[in-house]
């Protein structure tokens, strides 16, 4: 996969308003908050199934009802269309579960 140009990345982030550029590297990140641990874990399970099908895996950290996610394509050295696709899917799953 080809790394997105800065203009492509900015355009993609306009469609993903809750995602931000990571501070220390070429990646995008988002914090999700759910009603409780069960909802957070259910979200992670759904994402894990999607990620496995895509052969593209997020970096994430979970504490109770919070899930912090960072996406980048290591082989490309930055953000690719795969990251945008997974971020879009995560937003959809979170919306179904009413994440904040």
C-alpha atoms as a PDB file:
ATOM      1  CA  UNK A   1       0.000   0.000   0.000  1.00  0.00           C
ATOM      2  CA  UNK A   2       1.079   3.524  -0.786  1.00  0.00           C
ATOM      3  CA  UNK A   3       1.361   6.120   1.964  1.00  0.00           C
ATOM      4  CA  UNK A   4      -1.179   8.926   1.553  1.00  0.00           C
ATOM      5  CA  UNK A   5       0.091  12.369   0.614  1.00  0.00           C
ATOM      6  CA  UNK A   6      -0.492  15.136   3.124  1.00  0.00           C
ATOM      7  CA  UNK A   7      -3.334  16.522   0.968  1.00  0.00           C
ATOM      8  CA  UNK A   8      -4.979  13.089   0.739  1.00  0.00           C
ATOM      9  CA  UNK A   9      -4.600  12.651   4.500  1.00  0.00           C
ATOM     10  CA  UNK A  10      -6.117  16.065   5.257  1.00  0.00           C
ATOM     11  CA  UNK A  11      -9.069  15.282   2.967  1.00  0.00           C
ATOM     12  CA  UNK A  12      -9.596  11.914   4.669  1.00  0.00           C
ATOM     13  CA  UNK A  13      -9.486  13.481   8.135  1.00  0.00           C
ATOM     14  CA  UNK A  14     -12.237  15.895   7.112  1.00  0.00           C
ATOM     15  CA  UNK A  15     -14.432  12.813   6.714  1.00  0.00           C
ATOM     16  CA  UNK A  16     -13.182  11.458  10.070  1.00  0.00           C
ATOM     17  CA  UNK A  17     -13.597  14.488  12.370  1.00  0.00           C
ATOM     18  CA  UNK A  18     -12.842  12.614  15.620  1.00  0.00           C
ATOM     19  CA  UNK A  19      -9.477  11.361  14.358  1.00  0.00           C
ATOM     20  CA  UNK A  20      -6.251  13.350  14.751  1.00  0.00           C
ATOM     21  CA  UNK A  21      -2.730  13.172  13.464  1.00  0.00           C
ATOM     22  CA  UNK A  22      -0.507  11.454  16.010  1.00  0.00           C
ATOM     23  CA  UNK A  23       2.033  13.768  17.629  1.00  0.00           C
ATOM     24  CA  UNK A  24       5.231  11.761  17.376  1.00  0.00           C
ATOM     25  CA  UNK A  25       4.820   9.822  14.148  1.00  0.00           C
ATOM     26  CA  UNK A  26       2.960   9.473  10.884  1.00  0.00           C
ATOM     27  CA  UNK A  27      -0.260   7.921  12.165  1.00  0.00           C
ATOM     28  CA  UNK A  28      -3.820   8.832  13.091  1.00  0.00           C
ATOM     29  CA  UNK A  29      -5.398   8.359  16.494  1.00  0.00           C
ATOM     30  CA  UNK A  30      -8.717   8.542  18.283  1.00  0.00           C
ATOM     31  CA  UNK A  31     -10.023   8.017  21.796  1.00  0.00           C
ATOM     32  CA  UNK A  32     -13.304   6.145  22.205  1.00  0.00           C
ATOM     33  CA  UNK A  33     -15.365   6.071  25.393  1.00  0.00           C
ATOM     34  CA  UNK A  34     -18.184   3.619  26.039  1.00  0.00           C
ATOM     35  CA  UNK A  35     -20.759   3.148  28.766  1.00  0.00           C
ATOM     36  CA  UNK A  36     -18.807   0.336  30.459  1.00  0.00           C
ATOM     37  CA  UNK A  37     -16.119  -2.310  29.999  1.00  0.00           C
ATOM     38  CA  UNK A  38     -18.467  -4.754  28.261  1.00  0.00           C
ATOM     39  CA  UNK A  39     -19.278  -2.192  25.565  1.00  0.00           C
ATOM     40  CA  UNK A  40     -15.601  -1.313  25.095  1.00  0.00           C
ATOM     41  CA  UNK A  41     -14.662  -4.987  24.826  1.00  0.00           C
ATOM     42  CA  UNK A  42     -17.511  -5.666  22.384  1.00  0.00           C
ATOM     43  CA  UNK A  43     -16.263  -2.799  20.226  1.00  0.00           C
ATOM     44  CA  UNK A  44     -12.735  -4.201  20.294  1.00  0.00           C
ATOM     45  CA  UNK A  45     -14.031  -7.651  19.343  1.00  0.00           C
ATOM     46  CA  UNK A  46     -15.893  -6.266  16.328  1.00  0.00           C
ATOM     47  CA  UNK A  47     -12.852  -4.284  15.244  1.00  0.00           C
ATOM     48  CA  UNK A  48     -10.601  -7.318  15.704  1.00  0.00           C
ATOM     49  CA  UNK A  49     -12.737  -9.374  13.308  1.00  0.00           C
ATOM     50  CA  UNK A  50     -12.695  -6.590  10.692  1.00  0.00           C
ATOM     51  CA  UNK A  51      -8.954  -6.041  11.133  1.00  0.00           C
ATOM     52  CA  UNK A  52      -8.231  -9.753  10.733  1.00  0.00           C
ATOM     53  CA  UNK A  53     -10.186  -9.823   7.452  1.00  0.00           C
ATOM     54  CA  UNK A  54      -8.214  -6.789   6.269  1.00  0.00           C
ATOM     55  CA  UNK A  55      -4.900  -8.213   7.544  1.00  0.00           C
ATOM     56  CA  UNK A  56      -4.411  -4.809   9.157  1.00  0.00           C
ATOM     57  CA  UNK A  57      -4.173  -4.482  12.908  1.00  0.00           C
ATOM     58  CA  UNK A  58      -4.602  -1.444  15.144  1.00  0.00           C
ATOM     59  CA  UNK A  59      -2.425  -0.368  17.996  1.00  0.00           C
ATOM     60  CA  UNK A  60      -4.752   0.117  20.922  1.00  0.00           C
ATOM     61  CA  UNK A  61      -4.916   0.492  24.650  1.00  0.00           C
ATOM     62  CA  UNK A  62      -7.950  -0.276  26.806  1.00  0.00           C
ATOM     63  CA  UNK A  63      -8.771   0.707  30.370  1.00  0.00           C
ATOM     64  CA  UNK A  64     -12.296  -0.010  31.579  1.00  0.00           C
ATOM     65  CA  UNK A  65     -14.602   1.895  29.187  1.00  0.00           C
ATOM     66  CA  UNK A  66     -11.934   3.708  27.166  1.00  0.00           C
ATOM     67  CA  UNK A  67     -10.143   2.535  24.020  1.00  0.00           C
ATOM     68  CA  UNK A  68      -7.292   4.610  22.587  1.00  0.00           C
ATOM     69  CA  UNK A  69      -6.438   3.696  18.988  1.00  0.00           C
ATOM     70  CA  UNK A  70      -3.500   4.520  16.724  1.00  0.00           C
ATOM     71  CA  UNK A  71      -3.497   3.506  13.065  1.00  0.00           C
ATOM     72  CA  UNK A  72      -0.567   3.421  10.660  1.00  0.00           C
ATOM     73  CA  UNK A  73       0.686   1.055   8.003  1.00  0.00           C
ATOM     74  CA  UNK A  74       4.176   0.145   9.137  1.00  0.00           C
ATOM     75  CA  UNK A  75       5.265  -1.241   5.754  1.00  0.00           C
ATOM     76  CA  UNK A  76       4.367   2.076   4.091  1.00  0.00           C
ATOM     77  CA  UNK A  77       5.844   4.241   6.827  1.00  0.00           C
ATOM     78  CA  UNK A  78       2.649   6.183   7.469  1.00  0.00           C
ATOM     79  CA  UNK A  79      -1.089   6.346   6.885  1.00  0.00           C
ATOM     80  CA  UNK A  80      -2.587   4.466   3.933  1.00  0.00           C
ATOM     81  CA  UNK A  81      -6.068   3.877   2.591  1.00  0.00           C
ATOM     82  CA  UNK A  82      -6.201   0.752   4.782  1.00  0.00           C
ATOM     83  CA  UNK A  83      -5.957   2.935   7.874  1.00  0.00           C
ATOM     84  CA  UNK A  84      -8.724   5.212   6.601  1.00  0.00           C
ATOM     85  CA  UNK A  85     -10.920   2.194   5.855  1.00  0.00           C
ATOM     86  CA  UNK A  86     -10.374   0.741   9.331  1.00  0.00           C
ATOM     87  CA  UNK A  87     -10.937   4.136  11.015  1.00  0.00           C
ATOM     88  CA  UNK A  88     -14.207   4.509   9.092  1.00  0.00           C
ATOM     89  CA  UNK A  89     -15.329   1.045  10.192  1.00  0.00           C
ATOM     90  CA  UNK A  90     -14.397   1.818  13.810  1.00  0.00           C
ATOM     91  CA  UNK A  91     -16.448   5.021  13.707  1.00  0.00           C
ATOM     92  CA  UNK A  92     -19.403   3.038  12.399  1.00  0.00           C
ATOM     93  CA  UNK A  93     -19.122   0.390  15.117  1.00  0.00           C
ATOM     94  CA  UNK A  94     -18.755   3.075  17.774  1.00  0.00           C
ATOM     95  CA  UNK A  95     -21.841   4.906  16.488  1.00  0.00           C
ATOM     96  CA  UNK A  96     -23.855   1.692  16.745  1.00  0.00           C
ATOM     97  CA  UNK A  97     -22.724   1.378  20.340  1.00  0.00           C
ATOM     98  CA  UNK A  98     -23.177   5.096  21.094  1.00  0.00           C
ATOM     99  CA  UNK A  99     -19.566   5.800  22.011  1.00  0.00           C
ATOM    100  CA  UNK A 100     -18.560   9.277  23.107  1.00  0.00           C
END
